[in-house]
Amino acid sequence: MTREEILRADALTLGKLIKSGDLTSEQVTETFISAVKAEDGKYNSYITVSEDAVSEARQIDDKIMAGELTGPLAGVPVAVKDNICTKGMLTSCASKMLSNFIPPYDATVVKKLKAEGMVILGKTNMDEFAMGSTTETSFYGPTVNPRGTGRVPGGSSGGSAASVAADLAPVSLGSDTGGSIRQPASFCGVTGLKPTYGTVSRYGLVAFASSLDQIGPIGKTALDCAELYNAISGVDERDQSSTVSQKVDTKAVASFDVSGRKIGIPEEYFGEGIDEDVKARVMEAVKFYEDQGASVEKFKMPIIEYAIPTYYIIACAEACSNLSRYDGVKYGFRPEGVDNLMDLYIRSRSEGFGMEVKRRIMLGNFVLSSGYYDAYYNKALQAKALIKKAFDEAFEKYDVVIGPVAPTTALKAGESLSDPLKMYLGDICTVLINIIGLPAISVPCGNDRDGMPVGMQIIGKHYDEQTILGFAANYQRGV
């Protein structure tokens, strides 16, 4: 294979070629590392590039030859979001606060990647502490969308999505708190899976909002995401919220038939504020399923109106608690010339955090404060129960619920930073899924009038990753 063919290949194709001996992991890894060093200056999708990747790939080749590694992804390189701990490699959360943090341990998902024989290429750029929807709040500068100059890649896993879209990684890991895998996958024209809450261990994931955060895969195809999901999922004794879940049958996903399946379309997902091109492309994709024998029905889900306030109250409340540990005492950024403990706290947090993180800490402290706790936080928890009820009722009728991933395609750089509320409202289609822990996948389904990718969101029942991956693979196989 030529260099370009290696870079463009999907992960499963690379895995087959490595296993057959037509390629080596060392050759593939060296190709990606050299591409990152040569081309990532245009995109800024990586914060750290591994210095040991090629030598690790060489060792993996020996294990593959000896028959010790036989999985479909053995020898395949992978990029990892910079809020997932990697032993001996900077994990900064794209923040000045952790710009010198070298973890002494691997996150559970990273251990599983290594056990599978995958090679860590490096750590990808992100919104600081995963707080943002554009990957513009990073301490290391914004990431550029490879699909369009001057466009954002989405966030907070923008670096992970951009690295795959730019052919600088065959697959990557991101984290999704309110859409942070699906929305950048949509903006960059790749595939991104947000698994059911608890199916993938969060041990070693730097917390944003613990009841919402979930690690998941980004790849070029649904089948790549299915195999990577199988590699990282499973119960973990170090994460008490992790649950036993079934592995996906990838052969069943590859041959999935939608005939006789029922699709629900929430009318509110196609209402005011949704771009006409986005509506058209998603409904064309739904028509593709209909032509194959699936039945489609529109229904009302008025609770969607409360998605954004419910999400941001819960997320910011948990964020202000999780980020309270960064005080300049134990680890992280510590300013010089501090006279007393109070100054240490104030200056560490004032200088170590960016503006978006501070905004969410302040909002979280407000909704948890005396006199406002019942009015805001308790109300949000009540709304969460109503959201769960609405989806439970929907899944009594439908196999999947389909809508857009985002109201628009990729925004122009700088638009959201000047209007944070606009950025928050852009999460309207994704946050409900995190609030109640459902699985969902973003699948590219065409482009808008400017040639920017549109993403279709396929939402499934708890622990039914197989069905949404099947729907996604069926669409990608047919188009």
Protein backbone atom coordinates (compact mmCIF):
# COMPACT_ATOMS: atom_id res chain seq x y z
CA MET A 1 0.00 0.00 0.00
CA THR A 2 1.08 3.56 -0.64
CA ARG A 3 1.43 6.09 2.17
CA GLU A 4 -1.84 7.75 1.15
CA GLU A 5 -3.70 4.43 1.06
CA ILE A 6 -2.50 3.58 4.57
CA LEU A 7 -3.61 6.97 5.91
CA ARG A 8 -7.04 6.74 4.26
CA ALA A 9 -7.75 3.14 5.27
CA ASP A 10 -10.23 2.34 8.03
CA ALA A 11 -9.03 0.61 11.19
CA LEU A 12 -10.40 -2.86 10.40
CA THR A 13 -8.74 -2.87 6.98
CA LEU A 14 -5.42 -1.96 8.56
CA GLY A 15 -5.91 -4.67 11.20
CA LYS A 16 -6.50 -7.33 8.50
CA LEU A 17 -3.45 -6.26 6.51
CA ILE A 18 -1.24 -6.30 9.62
CA LYS A 19 -2.51 -9.73 10.63
CA SER A 20 -1.96 -11.11 7.12
CA GLY A 21 1.61 -9.80 7.02
CA ASP A 22 1.00 -7.41 4.10
CA LEU A 23 1.75 -4.54 6.50
CA THR A 24 3.44 -4.30 9.87
CA SER A 25 2.25 -2.27 12.83
CA GLU A 26 5.62 -0.51 12.81
CA GLN A 27 5.14 0.52 9.17
CA VAL A 28 1.59 1.76 9.77
CA THR A 29 2.48 3.60 12.98
CA GLU A 30 5.52 5.24 11.42
CA THR A 31 3.35 6.42 8.54
CA PHE A 32 0.82 8.06 10.88
CA ILE A 33 3.45 9.59 13.17
CA SER A 34 5.28 11.16 10.22
CA ALA A 35 1.97 12.45 8.83
CA VAL A 36 1.06 14.02 12.17
CA LYS A 37 4.45 15.75 12.41
CA ALA A 38 4.24 16.98 8.82
CA GLU A 39 0.59 17.99 8.57
CA ASP A 40 -0.97 18.62 11.99
CA GLY A 41 0.36 22.17 12.04
CA LYS A 42 -2.63 22.99 9.81
CA TYR A 43 -5.18 21.46 12.18
CA ASN A 44 -3.72 21.42 15.72
CA SER A 45 -5.59 18.19 16.44
CA TYR A 46 -2.86 16.83 18.74
CA ILE A 47 -1.47 18.27 21.95
CA THR A 48 1.13 15.52 22.48
CA VAL A 49 2.62 13.07 19.97
CA SER A 50 4.03 9.85 21.42
CA GLU A 51 7.81 9.45 21.20
CA ASP A 52 7.54 5.72 21.86
CA ALA A 53 4.80 4.75 19.39
CA VAL A 54 7.08 3.25 16.70
CA SER A 55 9.13 1.19 19.16
CA GLU A 56 5.92 -0.03 20.84
CA ALA A 57 4.55 -1.01 17.42
CA ARG A 58 7.71 -3.04 16.79
CA GLN A 59 7.09 -5.00 19.98
CA ILE A 60 3.46 -5.53 19.00
CA ASP A 61 4.57 -6.95 15.65
CA ASP A 62 6.61 -9.57 17.52
CA LYS A 63 3.56 -10.53 19.59
CA ILE A 64 1.36 -10.76 16.50
CA MET A 65 3.95 -13.01 14.82
CA ALA A 66 4.06 -15.19 17.94
CA GLY A 67 0.27 -15.51 17.96
CA GLU A 68 -0.11 -13.66 21.27
CA LEU A 69 -2.26 -10.88 19.75
CA THR A 70 -5.07 -12.01 17.46
CA GLY A 71 -7.77 -9.35 17.80
CA PRO A 72 -9.10 -7.41 14.79
CA LEU A 73 -7.44 -4.17 15.98
CA ALA A 74 -4.04 -5.60 16.95
CA GLY A 75 -1.28 -3.34 15.67
CA VAL A 76 -3.66 -0.51 14.71
CA PRO A 77 -2.76 3.01 15.92
CA VAL A 78 -5.26 5.05 17.96
CA ALA A 79 -5.40 8.65 19.21
CA VAL A 80 -6.65 9.41 22.74
CA LYS A 81 -8.39 12.54 24.02
CA ASP A 82 -6.25 14.54 26.42
CA ASN A 83 -8.58 14.10 29.41
CA ILE A 84 -7.95 10.32 29.50
CA CYS A 85 -4.94 9.40 31.65
CA THR A 86 -1.92 7.85 29.95
CA LYS A 87 0.97 6.67 32.11
CA GLY A 88 4.10 8.73 31.50
CA MET A 89 2.42 10.95 28.86
CA LEU A 90 1.10 14.46 29.46
CA THR A 91 -2.63 14.56 30.26
CA SER A 92 -3.47 18.25 30.42
CA CYS A 93 -7.22 18.45 29.70
CA ALA A 94 -6.09 21.27 27.39
CA SER A 95 -5.72 23.48 30.49
CA LYS A 96 -2.95 25.55 32.00
CA MET A 97 -4.08 24.03 35.30
CA LEU A 98 -2.75 20.59 34.27
CA SER A 99 -0.10 21.64 31.76
CA ASN A 100 2.58 19.73 33.72
CA PHE A 101 0.54 16.69 34.81
CA ILE A 102 2.09 13.33 33.90
CA PRO A 103 -0.19 10.55 35.22
CA PRO A 104 1.46 7.65 37.08
CA TYR A 105 -1.16 5.23 35.72
CA ASP A 106 -3.21 4.37 32.63
CA ALA A 107 -6.98 4.83 32.46
CA THR A 108 -8.82 1.51 32.22
CA VAL A 109 -9.68 2.16 28.56
CA VAL A 110 -6.00 2.80 27.76
CA LYS A 111 -5.02 -0.47 29.50
CA LYS A 112 -7.62 -2.24 27.35
CA LEU A 113 -6.32 -0.63 24.16
CA LYS A 114 -2.81 -1.80 24.99
CA ALA A 115 -4.04 -5.29 25.87
CA GLU A 116 -5.72 -5.39 22.44
CA GLY A 117 -2.36 -4.55 20.86
CA MET A 118 -3.26 -1.02 19.74
CA VAL A 119 -0.61 1.70 19.56
CA ILE A 120 -1.19 5.09 21.22
CA LEU A 121 -0.26 7.79 18.69
CA GLY A 122 -0.71 10.69 21.10
CA LYS A 123 -3.18 12.90 22.95
CA THR A 124 -5.72 14.98 21.07
CA ASN A 125 -6.77 18.60 21.56
CA MET A 126 -10.05 19.47 23.25
CA ASP A 127 -12.02 22.24 24.90
CA GLU A 128 -10.50 22.95 28.31
CA PHE A 129 -11.73 20.32 30.80
CA ALA A 130 -14.19 19.25 28.07
CA MET A 131 -16.20 22.45 28.56
CA GLY A 132 -17.17 23.77 25.16
CA SER A 133 -18.61 22.79 21.79
CA THR A 134 -15.94 24.09 19.40
CA THR A 135 -12.44 23.09 20.66
CA GLU A 136 -11.60 26.79 20.80
CA THR A 137 -11.19 27.05 24.59
CA SER A 138 -8.01 24.94 24.65
CA PHE A 139 -4.92 26.38 26.39
CA TYR A 140 -2.98 25.06 23.38
CA GLY A 141 -5.00 26.95 20.78
CA PRO A 142 -8.03 26.00 18.69
CA THR A 143 -8.33 22.96 16.43
CA VAL A 144 -9.27 23.57 12.79
CA ASN A 145 -11.90 21.49 11.00
CA PRO A 146 -10.18 19.52 8.19
CA ARG A 147 -13.42 19.66 6.16
CA GLY A 148 -13.48 23.45 5.90
CA THR A 149 -10.97 26.25 6.46
CA GLY A 150 -12.18 28.70 9.06
CA ARG A 151 -14.68 26.25 10.55
CA VAL A 152 -14.61 24.74 14.04
CA PRO A 153 -14.41 20.93 14.42
CA GLY A 154 -16.99 20.89 17.21
CA GLY A 155 -16.22 19.94 20.75
CA SER A 156 -15.16 19.04 23.21
CA SER A 157 -13.61 16.03 21.40
CA GLY A 158 -12.74 18.19 18.39
CA GLY A 159 -9.14 16.99 18.24
CA SER A 160 -10.19 13.35 18.26
CA ALA A 161 -12.70 13.88 15.43
CA ALA A 162 -10.35 16.12 13.43
CA SER A 163 -7.47 13.62 13.67
CA VAL A 164 -9.66 10.93 12.06
CA ALA A 165 -11.12 13.32 9.47
CA ALA A 166 -7.63 14.55 8.50
CA ASP A 167 -6.31 10.95 8.15
CA LEU A 168 -3.94 11.51 11.08
CA ALA A 169 -5.42 8.58 13.05
CA PRO A 170 -7.54 5.66 11.86
CA VAL A 171 -9.61 5.73 15.07
CA SER A 172 -9.66 7.74 18.28
CA LEU A 173 -11.21 7.92 21.72
CA GLY A 174 -13.27 10.87 22.88
CA SER A 175 -15.51 11.62 25.83
CA ASP A 176 -19.14 12.68 25.65
CA THR A 177 -20.80 14.69 28.43
CA GLY A 178 -23.49 16.45 26.40
CA GLY A 179 -22.64 15.55 22.81
CA SER A 180 -18.87 15.89 22.79
CA ILE A 181 -18.29 12.80 20.63
CA ARG A 182 -21.34 13.05 18.38
CA GLN A 183 -21.26 16.76 17.59
CA PRO A 184 -17.59 16.91 16.46
CA ALA A 185 -18.09 13.65 14.55
CA SER A 186 -20.99 15.37 12.78
CA PHE A 187 -19.04 18.56 12.07
CA CYS A 188 -16.00 16.63 10.76
CA GLY A 189 -17.90 14.03 8.73
CA VAL A 190 -16.82 10.93 10.69
CA THR A 191 -18.67 8.37 12.82
CA GLY A 192 -18.87 8.71 16.62
CA LEU A 193 -20.52 6.47 19.23
CA LYS A 194 -21.66 7.61 22.67
CA PRO A 195 -22.21 4.32 24.54
CA THR A 196 -24.77 3.61 27.27
CA TYR A 197 -23.66 5.19 30.54
CA GLY A 198 -21.63 2.68 32.54
CA THR A 199 -20.72 0.31 29.70
CA VAL A 200 -17.23 1.86 29.42
CA SER A 201 -15.19 2.50 32.57
CA ARG A 202 -14.56 6.13 33.52
CA TYR A 203 -11.58 5.23 35.71
CA GLY A 204 -8.79 7.53 34.56
CA LEU A 205 -11.12 9.96 32.79
CA VAL A 206 -10.67 13.42 34.30
CA ALA A 207 -14.17 14.24 35.49
CA PHE A 208 -16.34 17.03 34.13
CA ALA A 209 -19.82 15.89 35.22
CA SER A 210 -19.64 12.38 36.65
CA SER A 211 -23.25 11.34 36.02
CA LEU A 212 -23.03 12.40 32.36
CA ASP A 213 -19.46 11.65 31.20
CA GLN A 214 -18.89 8.65 28.93
CA ILE A 215 -15.86 7.57 26.89
CA GLY A 216 -16.53 6.34 23.36
CA PRO A 217 -14.98 5.67 19.93
CA ILE A 218 -14.65 7.84 16.82
CA GLY A 219 -13.85 6.20 13.50
CA LYS A 220 -14.38 6.29 9.76
CA THR A 221 -17.09 3.62 9.86
CA ALA A 222 -19.67 2.18 12.24
CA LEU A 223 -17.84 -1.16 12.10
CA ASP A 224 -14.62 0.48 13.33
CA CYS A 225 -16.60 2.03 16.19
CA ALA A 226 -18.18 -1.36 16.98
CA GLU A 227 -14.81 -3.11 17.28
CA LEU A 228 -13.29 -0.30 19.33
CA TYR A 229 -16.34 -0.30 21.61
CA ASN A 230 -15.88 -4.05 22.15
CA ALA A 231 -12.24 -3.43 23.04
CA ILE A 232 -12.92 -0.78 25.71
CA SER A 233 -16.28 -1.81 27.20
CA GLY A 234 -16.90 -3.97 30.25
CA VAL A 235 -17.36 -3.76 34.00
CA ASP A 236 -14.46 -2.34 36.03
CA GLU A 237 -14.05 -2.75 39.78
CA ARG A 238 -12.35 0.66 39.90
CA ASP A 239 -15.48 2.39 38.59
CA GLN A 240 -18.55 1.74 40.71
CA SER A 241 -20.83 3.17 38.01
CA SER A 242 -19.62 0.67 35.40
CA THR A 243 -22.01 -2.11 34.47
CA VAL A 244 -21.94 -5.53 32.86
CA SER A 245 -22.88 -5.21 29.19
CA GLN A 246 -23.02 -7.41 26.11
CA LYS A 247 -20.31 -7.17 23.48
CA VAL A 248 -21.53 -6.20 20.04
CA ASP A 249 -21.80 -8.97 17.43
CA THR A 250 -19.88 -7.27 14.64
CA LYS A 251 -20.94 -9.82 12.02
CA ALA A 252 -24.58 -9.07 12.81
CA VAL A 253 -23.83 -5.35 12.63
CA ALA A 254 -22.17 -5.76 9.22
CA SER A 255 -25.21 -7.57 7.77
CA PHE A 256 -27.91 -5.68 9.68
CA ASP A 257 -31.35 -5.59 8.00
CA VAL A 258 -33.70 -2.67 8.80
CA SER A 259 -36.75 -4.29 7.19
CA GLY A 260 -39.64 -4.34 9.67
CA ARG A 261 -37.87 -2.03 12.09
CA LYS A 262 -39.69 1.00 13.50
CA ILE A 263 -38.16 4.49 13.49
CA GLY A 264 -39.48 7.39 15.58
CA ILE A 265 -38.84 11.01 14.54
CA PRO A 266 -39.40 13.65 17.27
CA GLU A 267 -41.03 16.66 15.62
CA GLU A 268 -39.23 19.02 18.01
CA TYR A 269 -35.88 17.94 16.53
CA PHE A 270 -36.95 19.50 13.23
CA GLY A 271 -38.51 22.69 14.53
CA GLU A 272 -37.40 26.29 14.73
CA GLY A 273 -33.63 26.87 14.64
CA ILE A 274 -32.76 23.74 12.66
CA ASP A 275 -31.00 24.53 9.38
CA GLU A 276 -32.98 23.55 6.27
CA ASP A 277 -30.04 21.63 4.75
CA VAL A 278 -29.63 19.66 7.98
CA LYS A 279 -33.35 18.76 7.96
CA ALA A 280 -33.20 17.73 4.31
CA ARG A 281 -30.11 15.50 4.62
CA VAL A 282 -31.38 13.71 7.74
CA MET A 283 -34.82 13.09 6.23
CA GLU A 284 -33.17 11.77 3.04
CA ALA A 285 -31.29 9.28 5.22
CA VAL A 286 -34.56 8.31 6.94
CA LYS A 287 -36.12 7.81 3.47
CA PHE A 288 -33.25 5.41 2.69
CA TYR A 289 -34.37 3.26 5.62
CA GLU A 290 -37.99 3.56 4.60
CA ASP A 291 -37.14 2.31 1.10
CA GLN A 292 -35.63 -0.79 2.71
CA GLY A 293 -38.80 -1.66 4.56
CA ALA A 294 -38.48 0.24 7.83
CA SER A 295 -41.56 2.08 9.07
CA VAL A 296 -41.22 5.74 10.02
CA GLU A 297 -43.48 7.74 12.32
CA LYS A 298 -43.26 11.29 13.62
CA PHE A 299 -44.21 11.92 17.22
CA LYS A 300 -44.19 14.75 19.74
CA MET A 301 -41.68 14.98 22.59
CA PRO A 302 -42.34 18.39 24.21
CA ILE A 303 -39.86 17.74 27.05
CA ILE A 304 -37.09 18.56 24.54
CA GLU A 305 -37.86 22.22 25.30
CA TYR A 306 -36.28 21.73 28.74
CA ALA A 307 -33.19 19.86 27.53
CA ILE A 308 -30.69 22.74 27.65
CA PRO A 309 -31.57 24.20 31.09
CA THR A 310 -31.79 20.72 32.63
CA TYR A 311 -28.43 19.68 31.21
CA TYR A 312 -26.50 22.84 32.06
CA ILE A 313 -27.81 22.96 35.64
CA ILE A 314 -26.79 19.34 36.30
CA ALA A 315 -23.52 19.54 34.38
CA CYS A 316 -22.34 22.79 35.96
CA ALA A 317 -23.36 21.67 39.46
CA GLU A 318 -21.24 18.53 39.10
CA ALA A 319 -18.41 20.41 37.38
CA CYS A 320 -17.97 22.96 40.17
CA SER A 321 -17.71 20.07 42.64
CA ASN A 322 -15.28 18.04 40.53
CA LEU A 323 -13.04 21.01 39.80
CA SER A 324 -12.81 22.10 43.44
CA ARG A 325 -9.80 19.76 43.83
CA TYR A 326 -7.64 22.08 41.71
CA ASP A 327 -6.48 24.48 44.40
CA GLY A 328 -2.72 24.80 43.86
CA VAL A 329 -1.92 22.57 46.84
CA LYS A 330 -1.81 18.93 45.72
CA TYR A 331 -0.97 19.06 42.00
CA GLY A 332 -1.52 21.16 38.92
CA PHE A 333 -0.71 24.82 38.30
CA ARG A 334 0.76 26.71 41.25
CA PRO A 335 1.57 30.44 40.95
CA GLU A 336 4.81 32.02 42.12
CA GLY A 337 5.14 34.59 44.90
CA VAL A 338 2.08 33.66 46.97
CA ASP A 339 1.94 35.10 50.52
CA ASN A 340 -0.85 33.08 52.13
CA LEU A 341 -3.19 30.13 51.60
CA MET A 342 -6.16 32.21 50.45
CA ASP A 343 -4.05 33.94 47.79
CA LEU A 344 -2.81 30.52 46.68
CA TYR A 345 -6.38 29.30 46.16
CA ILE A 346 -7.49 32.47 44.38
CA ARG A 347 -4.50 32.87 42.08
CA SER A 348 -4.23 29.15 41.24
CA ARG A 349 -7.83 29.02 40.06
CA SER A 350 -7.92 32.51 38.53
CA GLU A 351 -4.77 31.96 36.48
CA GLY A 352 -5.06 28.21 35.91
CA PHE A 353 -8.59 28.07 34.50
CA GLY A 354 -9.84 29.64 31.28
CA MET A 355 -12.94 31.82 30.95
CA GLU A 356 -15.40 29.08 29.91
CA VAL A 357 -14.39 26.85 32.83
CA LYS A 358 -14.77 29.75 35.27
CA ARG A 359 -18.20 30.54 33.83
CA ARG A 360 -19.41 27.00 34.46
CA ILE A 361 -17.91 26.83 37.95
CA MET A 362 -19.74 30.05 38.86
CA LEU A 363 -23.02 28.80 37.38
CA GLY A 364 -22.65 25.49 39.24
CA ASN A 365 -22.00 27.18 42.56
CA PHE A 366 -25.01 29.43 42.00
CA VAL A 367 -27.49 26.59 41.36
CA LEU A 368 -26.19 24.68 44.40
CA SER A 369 -26.20 27.67 46.74
CA SER A 370 -28.58 28.11 49.65
CA GLY A 371 -31.89 29.50 48.46
CA TYR A 372 -31.42 28.38 44.86
CA TYR A 373 -30.81 24.62 45.27
CA ASP A 374 -34.53 23.75 45.26
CA ALA A 375 -35.42 26.29 42.61
CA TYR A 376 -32.82 25.05 40.11
CA TYR A 377 -30.98 21.82 40.92
CA ASN A 378 -33.96 19.90 42.33
CA LYS A 379 -36.13 21.12 39.44
CA ALA A 380 -33.52 19.82 37.00
CA LEU A 381 -33.60 16.39 38.64
CA GLN A 382 -37.40 16.38 38.32
CA ALA A 383 -37.07 17.26 34.63
CA LYS A 384 -34.55 14.41 34.25
CA ALA A 385 -37.22 11.96 35.45
CA LEU A 386 -39.68 13.34 32.89
CA ILE A 387 -37.10 13.04 30.10
CA LYS A 388 -36.54 9.38 31.01
CA LYS A 389 -40.28 8.76 31.00
CA ALA A 390 -40.63 10.34 27.53
CA PHE A 391 -37.92 8.13 26.04
CA ASP A 392 -39.23 5.01 27.81
CA GLU A 393 -42.60 5.64 26.16
CA ALA A 394 -40.96 6.22 22.78
CA PHE A 395 -39.00 2.97 22.95
CA GLU A 396 -42.17 1.03 23.65
CA LYS A 397 -43.11 1.89 20.05
CA TYR A 398 -39.84 2.34 18.18
CA ASP A 399 -36.58 0.44 17.74
CA VAL A 400 -34.62 3.68 17.34
CA VAL A 401 -35.23 7.41 17.46
CA ILE A 402 -33.58 9.46 14.71
CA GLY A 403 -32.86 13.18 14.38
CA PRO A 404 -30.03 15.56 13.57
CA VAL A 405 -26.89 15.68 15.74
CA ALA A 406 -26.78 19.48 15.72
CA PRO A 407 -29.05 22.28 14.48
CA THR A 408 -26.38 23.45 12.01
CA THR A 409 -23.22 22.26 10.33
CA ALA A 410 -19.81 23.42 11.56
CA LEU A 411 -19.80 27.02 12.72
CA LYS A 412 -17.28 29.62 11.63
CA ALA A 413 -14.37 30.07 14.00
CA GLY A 414 -15.00 32.66 16.71
CA GLU A 415 -18.80 32.75 16.41
CA SER A 416 -19.56 30.87 19.63
CA LEU A 417 -16.86 32.49 21.75
CA SER A 418 -18.58 35.84 21.36
CA ASP A 419 -21.99 34.34 22.23
CA PRO A 420 -21.76 31.48 24.78
CA LEU A 421 -25.55 31.12 24.94
CA LYS A 422 -25.61 30.34 21.21
CA MET A 423 -23.00 27.65 21.82
CA TYR A 424 -25.09 26.12 24.64
CA LEU A 425 -28.25 26.12 22.49
CA GLY A 426 -26.34 24.22 19.81
CA ASP A 427 -26.41 21.18 22.12
CA ILE A 428 -30.21 20.90 21.97
CA CYS A 429 -30.20 17.61 20.02
CA THR A 430 -27.54 15.78 22.02
CA VAL A 431 -27.81 16.59 25.74
CA LEU A 432 -30.98 14.59 26.43
CA ILE A 433 -29.07 11.39 25.71
CA ASN A 434 -26.48 12.06 28.43
CA ILE A 435 -29.05 13.16 30.99
CA ILE A 436 -30.57 9.65 31.02
CA GLY A 437 -27.56 7.63 29.84
CA LEU A 438 -28.81 6.33 26.47
CA PRO A 439 -26.54 5.19 23.61
CA ALA A 440 -26.43 7.22 20.39
CA ILE A 441 -24.31 7.38 17.26
CA SER A 442 -23.52 10.17 14.79
CA VAL A 443 -23.41 9.07 11.14
CA PRO A 444 -22.41 11.33 8.21
CA CYS A 445 -25.39 11.71 5.86
CA GLY A 446 -24.35 14.22 3.22
CA ASN A 447 -23.35 17.87 3.06
CA ASP A 448 -24.96 21.29 3.24
CA ARG A 449 -24.89 23.95 0.51
CA ASP A 450 -21.34 24.93 1.54
CA GLY A 451 -20.06 21.36 1.38
CA MET A 452 -19.89 20.92 5.16
CA PRO A 453 -20.87 17.52 6.62
CA VAL A 454 -24.28 16.83 8.18
CA GLY A 455 -24.63 14.21 10.92
CA MET A 456 -27.64 11.96 11.56
CA GLN A 457 -28.14 10.89 15.19
CA ILE A 458 -29.46 7.38 15.84
CA ILE A 459 -30.60 6.89 19.46
CA GLY A 460 -31.22 3.48 21.01
CA LYS A 461 -32.47 1.83 24.16
CA HIS A 462 -30.14 1.32 27.11
CA TYR A 463 -27.50 -1.34 26.31
CA ASP A 464 -28.70 -1.66 22.71
CA GLU A 465 -25.53 -0.46 21.00
CA GLN A 466 -25.90 -3.33 18.55
CA THR A 467 -29.09 -1.93 17.00
CA ILE A 468 -27.85 1.64 16.51
CA LEU A 469 -24.52 0.39 15.15
CA GLY A 470 -26.49 -1.89 12.84
CA PHE A 471 -28.60 0.99 11.55
CA ALA A 472 -25.43 3.05 11.02
CA ALA A 473 -23.57 0.24 9.23
CA ASN A 474 -26.61 -0.49 7.07
CA TYR A 475 -26.72 3.14 5.92
CA GLN A 476 -22.96 3.28 5.26
CA ARG A 477 -23.14 0.01 3.33
CA GLY A 478 -25.97 1.32 1.14
CA VAL A 479 -24.60 4.74 0.30
